[in-house]
Amino acid sequence: MGNQIVTCWFIPRPDLGHLLDAPPEVLQVRKQEVLLKETARQRAAYLKLLRGLPEGYVLNATKPLSFAVAEVEKVILSYVVRSTARRLALRSRK
């Protein structure tokens, strides 16, 4: 199978996903366990994965931590509001 991502019918897709993204050079400074080329490959794979999700968000991780936390909170709260509104609309139709 190598580097391919295998999607199995019995593994549910996540309802919401987010990726704190930064250029490979920034990621490499923060996490040096692998070579820069591998960091770039992994980043590209995560970007592809998140962009394939209906509720996948790529957020800027080059900003200060407080900004990143606020962005993640905003994404999660927005998702919860939309999800709750859909459920309430379905219930009111019954």
Protein backbone atom coordinates (compact mmCIF):
# COMPACT_ATOMS: atom_id res chain seq x y z
CA MET A 1 0.00 0.00 0.00
CA GLY A 2 2.92 2.36 0.52
CA ASN A 3 1.99 6.02 1.00
CA GLN A 4 -1.60 5.69 -0.17
CA ILE A 5 -4.45 6.61 2.14
CA VAL A 6 -6.91 3.73 2.32
CA THR A 7 -10.54 4.64 2.92
CA CYS A 8 -12.59 1.84 4.39
CA TRP A 9 -16.36 1.74 4.17
CA PHE A 10 -16.65 0.85 7.87
CA ILE A 11 -14.69 3.85 9.16
CA PRO A 12 -16.98 6.86 9.42
CA ARG A 13 -15.75 10.19 8.10
CA PRO A 14 -15.31 12.85 10.76
CA ASP A 15 -18.04 15.46 11.06
CA LEU A 16 -15.49 18.24 11.48
CA GLY A 17 -11.78 18.53 10.90
CA HIS A 18 -9.23 21.28 11.20
CA LEU A 19 -5.55 21.57 10.41
CA LEU A 20 -3.26 24.15 11.96
CA ASP A 21 -1.14 24.81 8.89
CA ALA A 22 2.16 26.56 8.32
CA PRO A 23 4.84 26.48 5.61
CA PRO A 24 7.08 23.39 5.80
CA GLU A 25 10.04 25.51 6.96
CA VAL A 26 8.06 26.76 9.97
CA LEU A 27 6.85 23.26 10.79
CA GLN A 28 10.40 21.93 10.51
CA VAL A 29 11.68 24.41 13.10
CA ARG A 30 8.96 23.27 15.52
CA LYS A 31 9.31 19.54 14.89
CA GLN A 32 12.64 18.26 13.61
CA GLU A 33 12.11 14.49 13.81
CA VAL A 34 11.90 14.13 10.04
CA LEU A 35 13.59 15.78 7.06
CA LEU A 36 12.16 18.92 5.47
CA LYS A 37 11.14 16.95 2.37
CA GLU A 38 9.08 14.56 4.55
CA THR A 39 7.54 17.49 6.43
CA ALA A 40 6.44 18.99 3.11
CA ARG A 41 5.02 15.64 1.96
CA GLN A 42 3.06 15.15 5.18
CA ARG A 43 1.73 18.72 5.06
CA ALA A 44 0.52 18.19 1.48
CA ALA A 45 -1.19 14.93 2.47
CA TYR A 46 -2.97 16.57 5.40
CA LEU A 47 -4.07 19.51 3.23
CA LYS A 48 -5.49 17.11 0.65
CA LEU A 49 -7.29 15.14 3.35
CA LEU A 50 -8.85 18.21 4.99
CA ARG A 51 -9.88 19.78 1.70
CA GLY A 52 -11.76 16.58 0.90
CA LEU A 53 -13.97 16.93 3.98
CA PRO A 54 -17.23 18.88 3.75
CA GLU A 55 -16.42 20.48 7.11
CA GLY A 56 -12.63 20.59 6.79
CA TYR A 57 -10.85 23.79 7.75
CA VAL A 58 -7.24 24.82 7.24
CA LEU A 59 -6.20 27.43 9.80
CA ASN A 60 -3.10 29.62 9.95
CA ALA A 61 -0.64 28.32 12.57
CA THR A 62 1.96 31.02 11.96
CA LYS A 63 0.01 33.48 14.11
CA PRO A 64 0.38 33.66 17.90
CA LEU A 65 -1.14 30.79 19.92
CA SER A 66 -4.04 32.91 21.18
CA PHE A 67 -5.06 33.65 17.56
CA ALA A 68 -4.93 29.96 16.61
CA VAL A 69 -6.99 29.00 19.66
CA ALA A 70 -9.59 31.66 18.84
CA GLU A 71 -9.82 30.44 15.23
CA VAL A 72 -10.31 26.80 16.30
CA GLU A 73 -12.97 27.87 18.82
CA LYS A 74 -14.76 29.88 16.13
CA VAL A 75 -14.79 26.91 13.72
CA ILE A 76 -16.07 24.50 16.38
CA LEU A 77 -18.77 26.84 17.70
CA SER A 78 -19.95 27.67 14.19
CA TYR A 79 -20.21 23.96 13.40
CA VAL A 80 -22.17 23.28 16.60
CA VAL A 81 -24.59 26.13 15.82
CA ARG A 82 -25.22 24.85 12.27
CA SER A 83 -25.55 21.26 13.43
CA THR A 84 -28.01 22.18 16.20
CA ALA A 85 -30.06 24.31 13.80
CA ARG A 86 -30.32 21.37 11.37
CA ARG A 87 -31.43 19.00 14.14
CA LEU A 88 -34.02 21.45 15.44
CA ALA A 89 -35.37 22.00 11.92
CA LEU A 90 -35.71 18.25 11.41
CA ARG A 91 -37.50 17.86 14.74
CA SER A 92 -39.98 20.65 13.99
CA ARG A 93 -41.03 18.91 10.74
CA LYS A 94 -42.11 15.71 12.55
